[in-house]
Every structure is written in C-alpha cells, then in structure tokens.
Amino acid sequence: MPLYTAAVTLRAMNSRRGRSAEGRAEVRRDLVAAAVRLFRTRGYEETTVDDIAAEAGVGRRTFFRYFPSKEDAISPDHEVGLARVAEVFASAHPAEPTAALVLRAGETVFDLYADDPALSVERFRLTHEVPALRDRESARVDHYRRLFTRQLRERFAGDPDGELRAAVTGAAVVAAHNLALRAWLADGGRADRLDDYRARFRKVVDMLPGEPARDEPALHGVTERLEAAVARLERHA
C-alpha cells in the first residue's frame, strides 16, 4: 500500500475512533505520548504541532480538537483535575471537617497523575528541562490554589477570619500537595511508594487552621509554617 494511502487510511480510522468517549481518550493519549517522544528525541523548540499529529497518525485539525497548543499536549489534563476538586467540594456534607475535605479534594489530583505513572514521570522531567513548560505548569498550580481558596471562602462565609482562613488553607494544601507529588515523581513514580507520598501530603492537616467554631491557634504561626513550606517547594522546583 502506498505511503500516502496508508496515511489516509490511518487518519480515517482515527477519525472513527474519536467518535466514542473511549476512542477520544485513546486519541488523546496517543497525542500526548507522541509529544513526549518528540520533545525528548527532537527537542521542544524543534517539534511542531504537525510533527506531533503525524507521529500520532492524525491530522492537524484533529490535534487542535484536543489541544490548543503543543504545550498543552505535554500537560496533564488539568481541566479534569480542577473539575474533580470542584465536585468534591460541591458534594461534601456541610458538617464534614475541613481537613478531611481538602485532603479528599487534593488526592483526586494525585490520582490524575497515578493513572499513568510512567507518562507522568516523563512529563515531570520534561517540565523541569524546558523553561516554557515549567512556567506553564507553575501557572496551572495557581489555578488549583485559587479554586481551593474560592471554595473555602464560600465554606467559611460568616466567619470573621473566613477570608484569611480560606487563603491560608488553600495555599497550604496546594503547596503540600505539590511537594509530595513532585517528590513522588522525582522518585520515579513508583507504585509501591505512592502511599508513602500520599501520607506526606496528609501531614498538612497539622498545619491548618482549625474549624471556625473552635478556639484556634494564631493564624500568624500558621502563615509562617506555610511560607516555610512554599520556600521548600521553590527550592525543589
């Protein structure tokens, strides 16, 4: 079969594959895997959207149905992660302790990376090697912080310190999550160590303000611990 005919046939198969949810997920995975391979072997700057599409056996238009740019092809599906966090808050019982709630929400994002550890590790390495990807990922992290803060602000509505409590808690949870997640990825994304790094993330509950109805320790001390955690995160970035 001529190469042109084979390429057309492959693209037609991929077009049909993209008509089901399972097929779309498969096409998305193929595009991400192709981007990872090309960024690694050819270099980020030298790789184009057309290169990625061809490597995955799809057309340029198909690529843009899944990703707005080549940078997005290497990023985890943060829209899914943000939606998972929002759903945890939306479905939570009003009486659920805040510490338990933020841990549940944070661990859904851990799951996003644990679904495919090998790919997550490769993404992590590329993100640290390519400044454009690193800057983009840092911006994405701030989306999580803002989402946690916004959800917690609603939860603490009516509390005199609710605004500050939400900001401190949201920033602390996201900082702790990223410290633990990045450490796991740097360790190779090993399945047998995942629970250890989840436990490391959960330690953040000891640094959070308590429930609004209780007598709380001074927020100044909590803020100092948060700033120290953020400093550690920046040193490891």
Protein backbone atom coordinates (compact mmCIF):
# COMPACT_ATOMS: atom_id res chain seq x y z
CA MET A 1 0.00 0.00 0.00
CA PRO A 2 1.47 3.42 -0.96
CA LEU A 3 2.53 5.55 1.99
CA TYR A 4 0.01 8.30 1.16
CA THR A 5 -2.84 5.81 1.01
CA ALA A 6 -1.72 4.21 4.28
CA ALA A 7 -1.63 7.61 5.98
CA VAL A 8 -5.12 8.48 4.74
CA THR A 9 -6.44 5.12 5.91
CA LEU A 10 -4.86 5.56 9.36
CA ARG A 11 -6.35 9.03 9.74
CA ALA A 12 -9.77 7.75 8.74
CA MET A 13 -9.51 5.05 11.40
CA ASN A 14 -8.52 7.63 13.99
CA SER A 15 -11.43 9.84 12.94
CA ARG A 16 -13.86 6.99 13.58
CA ARG A 17 -12.09 6.22 16.83
CA GLY A 18 -12.73 9.77 18.01
CA ARG A 19 -16.50 9.34 17.84
CA SER A 20 -16.75 7.49 21.17
CA ALA A 21 -15.62 8.59 24.63
CA GLU A 22 -13.20 5.66 24.83
CA GLY A 23 -11.87 6.40 21.36
CA ARG A 24 -11.35 10.09 22.14
CA ALA A 25 -9.46 9.19 25.30
CA GLU A 26 -7.25 6.87 23.25
CA VAL A 27 -6.55 9.52 20.62
CA ARG A 28 -5.70 11.99 23.38
CA ARG A 29 -3.27 9.51 24.96
CA ASP A 30 -1.65 8.88 21.57
CA LEU A 31 -1.13 12.61 21.03
CA VAL A 32 0.40 13.07 24.47
CA ALA A 33 2.69 10.08 24.01
CA ALA A 34 3.74 11.39 20.58
CA ALA A 35 4.51 14.83 22.04
CA VAL A 36 6.59 13.27 24.82
CA ARG A 37 8.59 11.16 22.36
CA LEU A 38 9.28 14.06 20.02
CA PHE A 39 10.10 16.57 22.74
CA ARG A 40 12.55 14.04 24.14
CA THR A 41 14.20 12.94 20.89
CA ARG A 42 13.91 16.03 18.68
CA GLY A 43 13.67 18.81 21.24
CA TYR A 44 10.82 21.03 22.35
CA GLU A 45 11.64 24.03 20.17
CA GLU A 46 12.22 21.88 17.08
CA THR A 47 8.92 19.98 17.37
CA THR A 48 5.81 21.38 15.70
CA VAL A 49 2.13 20.60 16.04
CA ASP A 50 2.28 18.99 12.59
CA ASP A 51 5.10 16.74 13.80
CA ILE A 52 3.07 15.60 16.80
CA ALA A 53 -0.05 14.97 14.73
CA ALA A 54 1.89 12.94 12.18
CA GLU A 55 3.63 10.93 14.89
CA ALA A 56 0.23 10.08 16.39
CA GLY A 57 -1.24 9.23 12.99
CA VAL A 58 -3.83 12.02 12.95
CA GLY A 59 -4.29 15.27 11.10
CA ARG A 60 -3.52 18.80 12.27
CA ARG A 61 -7.22 19.57 12.71
CA THR A 62 -7.61 16.54 14.95
CA PHE A 63 -4.74 17.75 17.13
CA PHE A 64 -6.48 21.08 17.70
CA ARG A 65 -9.70 19.33 18.71
CA TYR A 66 -7.82 18.06 21.75
CA PHE A 67 -5.20 20.71 22.49
CA PRO A 68 -4.91 24.44 21.76
CA SER A 69 -1.10 24.28 21.54
CA LYS A 70 1.82 21.89 21.67
CA GLU A 71 2.50 22.96 25.27
CA ASP A 72 -0.92 21.68 26.31
CA ALA A 73 -0.15 18.27 24.80
CA ILE A 74 2.52 17.69 27.43
CA SER A 75 0.50 18.93 30.39
CA PRO A 76 -1.73 16.69 32.49
CA ASP A 77 -5.44 17.22 31.92
CA HIS A 78 -5.74 19.99 34.49
CA GLU A 79 -9.32 20.73 33.46
CA VAL A 80 -10.22 17.26 34.67
CA GLY A 81 -8.24 17.81 37.87
CA LEU A 82 -9.96 21.11 38.59
CA ALA A 83 -13.35 19.58 37.87
CA ARG A 84 -12.62 16.74 40.30
CA VAL A 85 -11.71 19.18 43.05
CA ALA A 86 -14.83 21.25 42.43
CA GLU A 87 -17.01 18.12 42.52
CA VAL A 88 -15.59 17.06 45.90
CA PHE A 89 -16.50 20.43 47.37
CA ALA A 90 -19.91 20.51 45.68
CA SER A 91 -20.89 17.08 47.00
CA ALA A 92 -19.42 17.47 50.51
CA HIS A 93 -21.68 17.44 53.55
CA PRO A 94 -21.68 20.83 55.33
CA ALA A 95 -20.62 19.13 58.57
CA GLU A 96 -17.60 17.35 57.06
CA PRO A 97 -14.41 18.58 58.76
CA THR A 98 -12.49 20.95 56.54
CA ALA A 99 -9.25 19.00 56.95
CA ALA A 100 -10.85 15.79 55.68
CA LEU A 101 -12.50 17.65 52.81
CA VAL A 102 -9.34 19.31 51.49
CA LEU A 103 -7.43 16.03 51.72
CA ARG A 104 -10.09 14.25 49.68
CA ALA A 105 -10.04 17.03 47.10
CA GLY A 106 -6.24 17.08 46.89
CA GLU A 107 -5.95 13.34 46.47
CA THR A 108 -8.17 13.37 43.40
CA VAL A 109 -5.37 15.32 41.70
CA PHE A 110 -2.84 12.76 42.93
CA ASP A 111 -4.99 10.16 41.19
CA LEU A 112 -4.75 12.13 37.94
CA TYR A 113 -1.00 11.51 37.89
CA ALA A 114 -1.13 7.99 39.31
CA ASP A 115 -3.38 6.80 36.45
CA ASP A 116 -0.29 6.58 34.21
CA PRO A 117 2.86 6.86 36.35
CA ALA A 118 5.36 6.32 33.51
CA LEU A 119 3.87 9.12 31.43
CA SER A 120 3.57 11.39 34.47
CA VAL A 121 7.26 10.91 35.28
CA GLU A 122 8.27 11.69 31.70
CA ARG A 123 6.10 14.82 31.73
CA PHE A 124 7.65 15.85 35.05
CA ARG A 125 11.17 15.52 33.67
CA LEU A 126 10.39 17.45 30.52
CA THR A 127 8.66 20.18 32.50
CA HIS A 128 11.81 20.70 34.55
CA GLU A 129 14.05 20.72 31.49
CA VAL A 130 12.04 23.12 29.30
CA PRO A 131 11.55 26.63 30.76
CA ALA A 132 8.37 27.29 28.75
CA LEU A 133 6.78 24.14 30.11
CA ARG A 134 7.96 24.88 33.64
CA ASP A 135 6.44 28.35 33.59
CA ARG A 136 3.19 26.99 32.21
CA GLU A 137 2.98 24.33 34.92
CA SER A 138 3.58 26.92 37.64
CA ALA A 139 0.65 28.93 36.30
CA ARG A 140 -1.52 25.82 36.37
CA VAL A 141 -0.66 25.24 40.02
CA ASP A 142 -2.01 28.69 40.81
CA HIS A 143 -5.34 27.68 39.26
CA TYR A 144 -5.67 24.99 41.94
CA ARG A 145 -4.78 27.43 44.69
CA ARG A 146 -7.43 29.86 43.52
CA LEU A 147 -10.04 27.11 43.22
CA PHE A 148 -9.36 25.82 46.75
CA THR A 149 -9.42 29.36 48.12
CA ARG A 150 -12.67 30.20 46.39
CA GLN A 151 -14.39 27.03 47.58
CA LEU A 152 -13.14 27.50 51.12
CA ARG A 153 -14.18 31.15 51.14
CA GLU A 154 -17.75 30.01 50.49
CA ARG A 155 -17.43 27.37 53.20
CA PHE A 156 -16.15 29.89 55.75
CA ALA A 157 -18.70 32.57 54.86
CA GLY A 158 -19.82 34.36 58.01
CA ASP A 159 -16.60 33.63 59.90
CA PRO A 160 -14.81 36.92 60.78
CA ASP A 161 -11.48 35.42 59.66
CA GLY A 162 -13.00 33.44 56.79
CA GLU A 163 -11.17 35.28 54.00
CA LEU A 164 -7.77 34.82 55.63
CA ARG A 165 -8.54 31.26 56.72
CA ALA A 166 -9.52 30.31 53.16
CA ALA A 167 -6.37 31.87 51.67
CA VAL A 168 -4.06 30.20 54.21
CA THR A 169 -5.73 26.80 53.95
CA GLY A 170 -5.93 26.81 50.15
CA ALA A 171 -2.31 27.84 49.70
CA ALA A 172 -1.06 25.36 52.29
CA VAL A 173 -2.95 22.41 50.81
CA VAL A 174 -1.76 23.11 47.27
CA ALA A 175 1.85 23.69 48.40
CA ALA A 176 1.88 20.45 50.41
CA HIS A 177 0.27 18.55 47.57
CA ASN A 178 2.89 19.72 45.10
CA LEU A 179 5.77 18.97 47.46
CA ALA A 180 4.54 15.41 47.89
CA LEU A 181 3.57 14.86 44.26
CA ARG A 182 6.83 16.20 42.85
CA ALA A 183 8.83 14.13 45.31
CA TRP A 184 6.96 11.00 44.18
CA LEU A 185 7.58 11.81 40.51
CA ALA A 186 11.26 12.54 41.21
CA ASP A 187 11.40 9.11 42.89
CA GLY A 188 10.30 7.54 39.62
CA GLY A 189 6.55 7.41 40.24
CA ARG A 190 6.88 4.03 41.94
CA ALA A 191 3.55 2.39 42.70
CA ASP A 192 4.96 0.78 45.86
CA ARG A 193 5.85 4.22 47.27
CA LEU A 194 2.67 6.06 46.34
CA ASP A 195 1.04 5.60 49.76
CA ASP A 196 4.16 6.99 51.44
CA TYR A 197 3.92 10.21 49.46
CA ARG A 198 0.18 10.45 50.00
CA ALA A 199 0.91 10.22 53.72
CA ARG A 200 3.44 13.02 53.33
CA PHE A 201 0.76 15.19 51.77
CA ARG A 202 -1.69 14.41 54.58
CA LYS A 203 0.71 15.87 57.14
CA VAL A 204 -0.52 19.29 56.04
CA VAL A 205 -3.57 18.87 58.30
CA ASP A 206 -1.34 19.52 61.31
CA MET A 207 -0.51 22.95 59.89
CA LEU A 208 -4.03 24.10 59.01
CA PRO A 209 -6.27 26.42 60.98
CA GLY A 210 -9.00 24.52 62.80
CA GLU A 211 -12.71 24.77 62.21
CA PRO A 212 -14.14 28.30 62.56
CA ALA A 213 -16.31 27.31 65.51
CA ARG A 214 -13.37 26.41 67.72
CA ASP A 215 -10.72 28.38 69.54
CA GLU A 216 -7.89 28.46 67.05
CA PRO A 217 -4.13 28.96 67.33
CA ALA A 218 -2.99 32.29 65.95
CA LEU A 219 -3.06 32.45 62.19
CA HIS A 220 0.32 34.18 62.29
CA GLY A 221 2.02 30.92 63.23
CA VAL A 222 0.17 29.03 60.53
CA THR A 223 1.22 31.61 57.96
CA GLU A 224 4.87 31.26 58.97
CA ARG A 225 4.72 27.48 58.51
CA LEU A 226 3.04 27.97 55.13
CA GLU A 227 5.75 30.37 53.98
CA ALA A 228 8.41 27.84 55.00
CA ALA A 229 6.63 25.10 53.02
CA VAL A 230 6.39 27.32 49.95
CA ALA A 231 10.10 28.16 50.23
CA ARG A 232 10.93 24.44 50.27
CA LEU A 233 8.73 23.93 47.21
CA GLU A 234 10.51 26.70 45.30
CA ARG A 235 13.92 25.24 46.16
CA HIS A 236 12.87 21.88 44.70
CA ALA A 237 11.18 23.33 41.59
